[in-house]
Amino acid sequence: MNPENFLDRKGRELIVAAIQEAEKDTSGEIRVHIDDVCETDPYRKAVEVFHCLGMEKTEARNGVLIYVACSSKVFAIVGDKGINDAVPADFWNEVSDTLHSYFTEGKFAEGLAEAVRMAGARLKRFFPYRKDDVNELPDEISFKK
């Protein structure tokens, strides 16, 4: 499957709006990346994509990537060093469980949007929005080319 066909226009708009909404309450940066096939451990692949997208370059090291390989039917959530140093080890479990639940029902865009909103709400506690906050990473969804 072509990753760009995984979500329709309305689904993409829903996810981008969720990213923009979530980032209003946190200095954290949230991205979604859609891949086709993941031939390795999804978390390892997500870390690779995280770095390819330059997400480790945020000032507070508080970027989050939600990685999805649509044909392989796997996903992973990766937080940068600043997040991992500040939050408990099970920080992403609830977000992951929610995303899995939506995906099981075939509600991909809705699940990603909800996962983004949950990530933003959870990050707000550790990385609240600052008056001088700058949007350091693009809000749009990235796709494997």
N, C-alpha and C. Protein backbone atom coordinates (compact mmCIF):
# COMPACT_ATOMS: atom_id res chain seq x y z
N MET A 1 0.85 -1.19 0.00
CA MET A 1 0.00 0.00 0.00
C MET A 1 0.88 1.24 0.00
N ASN A 2 0.53 2.19 -0.81
CA ASN A 2 1.22 3.48 -0.80
C ASN A 2 0.84 4.20 0.50
N PRO A 3 1.84 4.56 1.33
CA PRO A 3 1.53 5.21 2.60
C PRO A 3 0.66 6.46 2.47
N GLU A 4 0.80 7.16 1.34
CA GLU A 4 0.02 8.39 1.16
C GLU A 4 -1.46 8.10 0.93
N ASN A 5 -1.80 6.84 0.62
CA ASN A 5 -3.20 6.45 0.43
C ASN A 5 -3.82 5.88 1.71
N PHE A 6 -3.03 5.78 2.75
CA PHE A 6 -3.50 5.21 4.02
C PHE A 6 -4.59 6.08 4.65
N LEU A 7 -4.47 7.39 4.48
CA LEU A 7 -5.43 8.35 5.04
C LEU A 7 -6.01 9.19 3.92
N ASP A 8 -7.31 9.43 3.98
CA ASP A 8 -7.91 10.34 3.01
C ASP A 8 -7.68 11.78 3.45
N ARG A 9 -8.09 12.72 2.62
CA ARG A 9 -7.88 14.15 2.90
C ARG A 9 -8.48 14.55 4.24
N LYS A 10 -9.69 14.10 4.48
CA LYS A 10 -10.38 14.44 5.73
C LYS A 10 -9.62 13.87 6.93
N GLY A 11 -9.11 12.65 6.81
CA GLY A 11 -8.34 12.04 7.88
C GLY A 11 -7.05 12.80 8.16
N ARG A 12 -6.38 13.21 7.10
CA ARG A 12 -5.15 14.00 7.26
C ARG A 12 -5.45 15.32 7.97
N GLU A 13 -6.52 15.97 7.54
CA GLU A 13 -6.90 17.25 8.16
C GLU A 13 -7.22 17.07 9.63
N LEU A 14 -7.88 15.99 9.97
CA LEU A 14 -8.22 15.68 11.36
C LEU A 14 -6.96 15.54 12.21
N ILE A 15 -5.97 14.84 11.69
CA ILE A 15 -4.73 14.61 12.44
C ILE A 15 -3.92 15.90 12.58
N VAL A 16 -3.79 16.66 11.50
CA VAL A 16 -3.06 17.92 11.57
C VAL A 16 -3.73 18.88 12.56
N ALA A 17 -5.05 18.93 12.54
CA ALA A 17 -5.78 19.78 13.50
C ALA A 17 -5.52 19.31 14.93
N ALA A 18 -5.46 17.99 15.14
CA ALA A 18 -5.17 17.46 16.48
C ALA A 18 -3.76 17.84 16.92
N ILE A 19 -2.80 17.81 16.01
CA ILE A 19 -1.43 18.21 16.34
C ILE A 19 -1.42 19.68 16.75
N GLN A 20 -2.07 20.52 15.97
CA GLN A 20 -2.08 21.96 16.27
C GLN A 20 -2.79 22.22 17.60
N GLU A 21 -3.87 21.52 17.86
CA GLU A 21 -4.61 21.66 19.12
C GLU A 21 -3.74 21.21 20.29
N ALA A 22 -3.11 20.06 20.16
CA ALA A 22 -2.30 19.51 21.25
C ALA A 22 -1.11 20.41 21.57
N GLU A 23 -0.51 20.99 20.56
CA GLU A 23 0.68 21.81 20.77
C GLU A 23 0.36 23.19 21.35
N LYS A 24 -0.93 23.55 21.44
CA LYS A 24 -1.30 24.81 22.08
C LYS A 24 -1.10 24.76 23.59
N ASP A 25 -1.07 23.55 24.14
CA ASP A 25 -0.98 23.39 25.60
C ASP A 25 0.37 22.87 26.07
N THR A 26 1.29 22.60 25.14
CA THR A 26 2.58 22.06 25.53
C THR A 26 3.68 22.64 24.65
N SER A 27 4.88 22.69 25.19
CA SER A 27 6.02 23.09 24.37
C SER A 27 6.54 21.88 23.59
N GLY A 28 5.99 20.70 23.86
CA GLY A 28 6.37 19.50 23.13
C GLY A 28 5.99 19.60 21.66
N GLU A 29 6.71 18.86 20.85
CA GLU A 29 6.47 18.84 19.40
C GLU A 29 6.04 17.43 19.01
N ILE A 30 4.91 17.32 18.33
CA ILE A 30 4.34 16.02 17.99
C ILE A 30 4.28 15.88 16.48
N ARG A 31 4.76 14.72 16.00
CA ARG A 31 4.68 14.42 14.57
C ARG A 31 4.11 13.03 14.36
N VAL A 32 3.52 12.84 13.19
CA VAL A 32 3.01 11.53 12.77
C VAL A 32 3.69 11.19 11.45
N HIS A 33 4.20 9.96 11.36
CA HIS A 33 4.85 9.49 10.14
C HIS A 33 4.20 8.19 9.71
N ILE A 34 3.82 8.12 8.42
CA ILE A 34 3.20 6.92 7.87
C ILE A 34 4.19 6.27 6.89
N ASP A 35 4.50 5.03 7.16
CA ASP A 35 5.41 4.22 6.35
C ASP A 35 4.58 3.11 5.71
N ASP A 36 5.17 2.34 4.85
CA ASP A 36 4.49 1.22 4.23
C ASP A 36 4.81 -0.06 4.99
N VAL A 37 6.02 -0.54 4.84
CA VAL A 37 6.43 -1.81 5.44
C VAL A 37 7.54 -1.55 6.45
N CYS A 38 7.46 -2.23 7.57
CA CYS A 38 8.51 -2.17 8.58
C CYS A 38 9.10 -3.58 8.67
N GLU A 39 10.34 -3.70 8.22
CA GLU A 39 10.99 -5.01 8.19
C GLU A 39 11.87 -5.28 9.40
N THR A 40 11.79 -4.43 10.38
CA THR A 40 12.58 -4.58 11.60
C THR A 40 11.67 -4.32 12.79
N ASP A 41 12.22 -4.20 13.95
CA ASP A 41 11.45 -3.83 15.13
C ASP A 41 10.86 -2.44 14.91
N PRO A 42 9.54 -2.27 15.10
CA PRO A 42 8.92 -0.97 14.81
C PRO A 42 9.49 0.18 15.65
N TYR A 43 9.86 -0.10 16.88
CA TYR A 43 10.43 0.97 17.70
C TYR A 43 11.77 1.41 17.13
N ARG A 44 12.58 0.43 16.75
CA ARG A 44 13.90 0.75 16.16
C ARG A 44 13.73 1.58 14.89
N LYS A 45 12.76 1.18 14.06
CA LYS A 45 12.50 1.93 12.82
C LYS A 45 12.00 3.33 13.14
N ALA A 46 11.16 3.45 14.15
CA ALA A 46 10.63 4.76 14.54
C ALA A 46 11.76 5.68 15.01
N VAL A 47 12.72 5.13 15.74
CA VAL A 47 13.87 5.93 16.19
C VAL A 47 14.67 6.42 14.98
N GLU A 48 14.84 5.55 14.00
CA GLU A 48 15.55 5.92 12.77
C GLU A 48 14.82 7.06 12.06
N VAL A 49 13.50 6.94 11.91
CA VAL A 49 12.70 7.98 11.26
C VAL A 49 12.76 9.27 12.07
N PHE A 50 12.69 9.15 13.39
CA PHE A 50 12.77 10.30 14.30
C PHE A 50 14.00 11.14 13.95
N HIS A 51 15.13 10.47 13.81
CA HIS A 51 16.38 11.18 13.50
C HIS A 51 16.42 11.68 12.06
N CYS A 52 15.87 10.91 11.13
CA CYS A 52 15.81 11.36 9.73
C CYS A 52 14.99 12.64 9.59
N LEU A 53 13.98 12.78 10.44
CA LEU A 53 13.12 13.97 10.42
C LEU A 53 13.74 15.13 11.22
N GLY A 54 14.88 14.90 11.85
CA GLY A 54 15.55 15.96 12.63
C GLY A 54 14.82 16.31 13.91
N MET A 55 14.06 15.38 14.45
CA MET A 55 13.24 15.68 15.62
C MET A 55 14.05 15.86 16.89
N GLU A 56 15.31 15.42 16.89
CA GLU A 56 16.15 15.57 18.08
C GLU A 56 16.72 16.99 18.18
N LYS A 57 16.39 17.84 17.25
CA LYS A 57 16.94 19.20 17.23
C LYS A 57 16.10 20.22 17.97
N THR A 58 15.03 19.80 18.67
CA THR A 58 14.24 20.76 19.43
C THR A 58 15.04 21.22 20.64
N GLU A 59 14.83 22.44 21.04
CA GLU A 59 15.59 23.04 22.14
C GLU A 59 15.49 22.22 23.43
N ALA A 60 14.29 21.80 23.79
CA ALA A 60 14.09 21.06 25.04
C ALA A 60 14.16 19.54 24.85
N ARG A 61 14.48 19.11 23.63
CA ARG A 61 14.54 17.67 23.32
C ARG A 61 13.22 17.00 23.71
N ASN A 62 12.10 17.64 23.31
CA ASN A 62 10.78 17.16 23.70
C ASN A 62 9.88 16.86 22.50
N GLY A 63 10.47 16.25 21.50
CA GLY A 63 9.71 15.82 20.34
C GLY A 63 9.15 14.42 20.54
N VAL A 64 7.99 14.16 19.93
CA VAL A 64 7.34 12.85 19.98
C VAL A 64 6.96 12.46 18.56
N LEU A 65 7.28 11.22 18.21
CA LEU A 65 6.91 10.69 16.90
C LEU A 65 5.98 9.51 17.08
N ILE A 66 4.86 9.57 16.38
CA ILE A 66 3.98 8.40 16.28
C ILE A 66 4.23 7.84 14.89
N TYR A 67 4.82 6.66 14.87
CA TYR A 67 5.22 5.99 13.63
C TYR A 67 4.25 4.85 13.33
N VAL A 68 3.78 4.80 12.08
CA VAL A 68 2.85 3.74 11.65
C VAL A 68 3.36 3.14 10.35
N ALA A 69 3.47 1.81 10.31
CA ALA A 69 3.76 1.10 9.06
C ALA A 69 2.46 0.41 8.66
N CYS A 70 1.75 1.01 7.71
CA CYS A 70 0.38 0.58 7.42
C CYS A 70 0.27 -0.84 6.86
N SER A 71 1.12 -1.24 5.94
CA SER A 71 1.03 -2.60 5.40
C SER A 71 1.46 -3.66 6.42
N SER A 72 2.42 -3.30 7.27
CA SER A 72 2.89 -4.24 8.29
C SER A 72 1.98 -4.27 9.51
N LYS A 73 1.09 -3.28 9.61
CA LYS A 73 0.14 -3.19 10.72
C LYS A 73 0.85 -3.11 12.07
N VAL A 74 1.85 -2.23 12.14
CA VAL A 74 2.57 -2.00 13.39
C VAL A 74 2.73 -0.49 13.59
N PHE A 75 2.95 -0.11 14.83
CA PHE A 75 3.22 1.29 15.14
C PHE A 75 4.13 1.37 16.36
N ALA A 76 4.70 2.54 16.58
CA ALA A 76 5.54 2.78 17.75
C ALA A 76 5.47 4.27 18.08
N ILE A 77 5.69 4.57 19.35
CA ILE A 77 5.72 5.95 19.82
C ILE A 77 7.10 6.19 20.40
N VAL A 78 7.77 7.24 19.93
CA VAL A 78 9.12 7.56 20.37
C VAL A 78 9.14 8.97 20.94
N GLY A 79 9.66 9.10 22.15
CA GLY A 79 9.88 10.41 22.75
C GLY A 79 11.37 10.69 22.80
N ASP A 80 11.73 11.95 22.68
CA ASP A 80 13.13 12.36 22.71
C ASP A 80 13.69 12.30 24.13
N LYS A 81 14.97 12.54 24.25
CA LYS A 81 15.70 12.43 25.52
C LYS A 81 15.10 13.29 26.62
N GLY A 82 14.73 14.52 26.30
CA GLY A 82 14.16 15.40 27.31
C GLY A 82 12.89 14.83 27.92
N ILE A 83 12.09 14.19 27.11
CA ILE A 83 10.86 13.55 27.60
C ILE A 83 11.20 12.31 28.40
N ASN A 84 12.02 11.45 27.82
CA ASN A 84 12.35 10.19 28.49
C ASN A 84 13.03 10.40 29.83
N ASP A 85 13.79 11.49 29.98
CA ASP A 85 14.44 11.80 31.25
C ASP A 85 13.46 12.30 32.30
N ALA A 86 12.29 12.80 31.86
CA ALA A 86 11.35 13.45 32.78
C ALA A 86 10.13 12.61 33.15
N VAL A 87 9.82 11.60 32.35
CA VAL A 87 8.56 10.87 32.54
C VAL A 87 8.80 9.44 33.01
N PRO A 88 7.78 8.80 33.61
CA PRO A 88 7.93 7.40 34.00
C PRO A 88 8.05 6.48 32.78
N ALA A 89 8.62 5.31 32.99
CA ALA A 89 8.88 4.35 31.91
C ALA A 89 7.61 3.95 31.16
N ASP A 90 6.48 3.92 31.83
CA ASP A 90 5.23 3.49 31.19
C ASP A 90 4.41 4.67 30.63
N PHE A 91 5.05 5.79 30.43
CA PHE A 91 4.39 7.03 30.05
C PHE A 91 3.52 6.89 28.80
N TRP A 92 3.95 6.12 27.81
CA TRP A 92 3.22 6.03 26.54
C TRP A 92 2.25 4.86 26.48
N ASN A 93 2.19 4.04 27.51
CA ASN A 93 1.35 2.83 27.45
C ASN A 93 -0.12 3.13 27.18
N GLU A 94 -0.68 4.10 27.87
CA GLU A 94 -2.10 4.42 27.68
C GLU A 94 -2.37 4.93 26.27
N VAL A 95 -1.47 5.77 25.76
CA VAL A 95 -1.62 6.28 24.40
C VAL A 95 -1.53 5.12 23.41
N SER A 96 -0.58 4.24 23.62
CA SER A 96 -0.40 3.08 22.75
C SER A 96 -1.62 2.16 22.78
N ASP A 97 -2.15 1.92 23.97
CA ASP A 97 -3.34 1.07 24.10
C ASP A 97 -4.54 1.67 23.38
N THR A 98 -4.70 2.98 23.50
CA THR A 98 -5.81 3.67 22.83
C THR A 98 -5.65 3.58 21.32
N LEU A 99 -4.44 3.82 20.84
CA LEU A 99 -4.18 3.75 19.40
C LEU A 99 -4.46 2.34 18.88
N HIS A 100 -4.02 1.34 19.60
CA HIS A 100 -4.26 -0.05 19.22
C HIS A 100 -5.76 -0.34 19.13
N SER A 101 -6.51 0.15 20.09
CA SER A 101 -7.95 -0.07 20.13
C SER A 101 -8.63 0.53 18.89
N TYR A 102 -8.29 1.76 18.55
CA TYR A 102 -8.86 2.41 17.36
C TYR A 102 -8.45 1.66 16.10
N PHE A 103 -7.18 1.27 16.01
CA PHE A 103 -6.70 0.58 14.82
C PHE A 103 -7.41 -0.76 14.64
N THR A 104 -7.68 -1.45 15.73
CA THR A 104 -8.39 -2.73 15.67
C THR A 104 -9.77 -2.55 15.04
N GLU A 105 -10.37 -1.39 15.26
CA GLU A 105 -11.69 -1.08 14.70
C GLU A 105 -11.60 -0.47 13.29
N GLY A 106 -10.37 -0.32 12.78
CA GLY A 106 -10.19 0.27 11.45
C GLY A 106 -10.34 1.77 11.41
N LYS A 107 -10.31 2.42 12.59
CA LYS A 107 -10.47 3.87 12.69
C LYS A 107 -9.08 4.50 12.80
N PHE A 108 -8.37 4.54 11.68
CA PHE A 108 -6.97 4.95 11.68
C PHE A 108 -6.80 6.45 11.95
N ALA A 109 -7.48 7.29 11.20
CA ALA A 109 -7.35 8.73 11.39
C ALA A 109 -7.84 9.15 12.77
N GLU A 110 -8.97 8.61 13.17
CA GLU A 110 -9.53 8.95 14.49
C GLU A 110 -8.58 8.50 15.61
N GLY A 111 -8.00 7.33 15.45
CA GLY A 111 -7.06 6.83 16.45
C GLY A 111 -5.80 7.66 16.54
N LEU A 112 -5.27 8.05 15.39
CA LEU A 112 -4.07 8.89 15.39
C LEU A 112 -4.37 10.26 15.99
N ALA A 113 -5.52 10.83 15.66
CA ALA A 113 -5.89 12.13 16.21
C ALA A 113 -6.05 12.04 17.73
N GLU A 114 -6.68 10.99 18.22
CA GLU A 114 -6.86 10.82 19.66
C GLU A 114 -5.50 10.59 20.34
N ALA A 115 -4.64 9.80 19.72
CA ALA A 115 -3.30 9.56 20.29
C ALA A 115 -2.51 10.87 20.38
N VAL A 116 -2.63 11.69 19.37
CA VAL A 116 -1.95 13.00 19.37
C VAL A 116 -2.49 13.87 20.51
N ARG A 117 -3.81 13.92 20.64
CA ARG A 117 -4.41 14.74 21.72
C ARG A 117 -3.98 14.22 23.09
N MET A 118 -3.97 12.91 23.25
CA MET A 118 -3.54 12.32 24.53
C MET A 118 -2.07 12.64 24.80
N ALA A 119 -1.24 12.54 23.77
CA ALA A 119 0.19 12.85 23.93
C ALA A 119 0.35 14.30 24.39
N GLY A 120 -0.38 15.20 23.75
CA GLY A 120 -0.30 16.61 24.13
C GLY A 120 -0.73 16.84 25.57
N ALA A 121 -1.82 16.22 25.97
CA ALA A 121 -2.32 16.38 27.35
C ALA A 121 -1.32 15.83 28.35
N ARG A 122 -0.71 14.71 28.03
CA ARG A 122 0.27 14.10 28.94
C ARG A 122 1.55 14.94 29.00
N LEU A 123 1.98 15.46 27.86
CA LEU A 123 3.19 16.27 27.82
C LEU A 123 3.01 17.59 28.56
N LYS A 124 1.79 18.11 28.57
CA LYS A 124 1.51 19.40 29.22
C LYS A 124 1.98 19.41 30.67
N ARG A 125 1.86 18.28 31.35
CA ARG A 125 2.27 18.21 32.76
C ARG A 125 3.78 18.41 32.93
N PHE A 126 4.54 17.92 31.97
CA PHE A 126 6.00 17.98 32.08
C PHE A 126 6.61 19.11 31.25
N PHE A 127 5.93 19.48 30.18
CA PHE A 127 6.42 20.50 29.26
C PHE A 127 5.27 21.45 28.92
N PRO A 128 4.87 22.30 29.89
CA PRO A 128 3.75 23.21 29.63
C PRO A 128 4.10 24.22 28.52
N TYR A 129 3.07 24.73 27.90
CA TYR A 129 3.26 25.75 26.87
C TYR A 129 3.91 26.97 27.50
N ARG A 130 4.89 27.52 26.79
CA ARG A 130 5.56 28.74 27.26
C ARG A 130 5.14 29.90 26.36
N LYS A 131 5.07 31.06 26.96
CA LYS A 131 4.66 32.25 26.22
C LYS A 131 5.56 32.50 25.00
N ASP A 132 6.83 32.17 25.12
CA ASP A 132 7.79 32.39 24.04
C ASP A 132 7.99 31.14 23.16
N ASP A 133 7.06 30.18 23.28
CA ASP A 133 7.21 28.93 22.54
C ASP A 133 7.17 29.16 21.03
N VAL A 134 8.03 28.42 20.35
CA VAL A 134 8.11 28.47 18.89
C VAL A 134 7.79 27.07 18.37
N ASN A 135 6.99 27.00 17.32
CA ASN A 135 6.69 25.72 16.70
C ASN A 135 7.94 25.28 15.93
N GLU A 136 8.69 24.35 16.52
CA GLU A 136 10.00 23.98 15.97
C GLU A 136 9.95 22.93 14.87
N LEU A 137 8.85 22.18 14.79
CA LEU A 137 8.74 21.12 13.79
C LEU A 137 7.43 21.27 13.02
N PRO A 138 7.40 20.84 11.76
CA PRO A 138 6.17 20.95 10.97
C PRO A 138 5.03 20.15 11.60
N ASP A 139 3.82 20.62 11.41
CA ASP A 139 2.64 19.93 11.95
C ASP A 139 2.10 18.88 10.98
N GLU A 140 2.50 18.95 9.72
CA GLU A 140 1.92 18.02 8.76
C GLU A 140 2.46 16.60 8.94
N ILE A 141 1.73 15.66 8.41
CA ILE A 141 2.09 14.25 8.46
C ILE A 141 3.20 14.01 7.45
N SER A 142 4.18 13.22 7.83
CA SER A 142 5.23 12.84 6.88
C SER A 142 4.97 11.42 6.40
N PHE A 143 5.42 11.16 5.19
CA PHE A 143 5.21 9.85 4.57
C PHE A 143 6.52 9.33 4.00
N LYS A 144 6.66 8.02 4.01
CA LYS A 144 7.82 7.41 3.37
C LYS A 144 7.68 7.65 1.87
N LYS A 145 8.73 8.11 1.28
CA LYS A 145 8.71 8.40 -0.17
C LYS A 145 9.29 7.23 -0.93
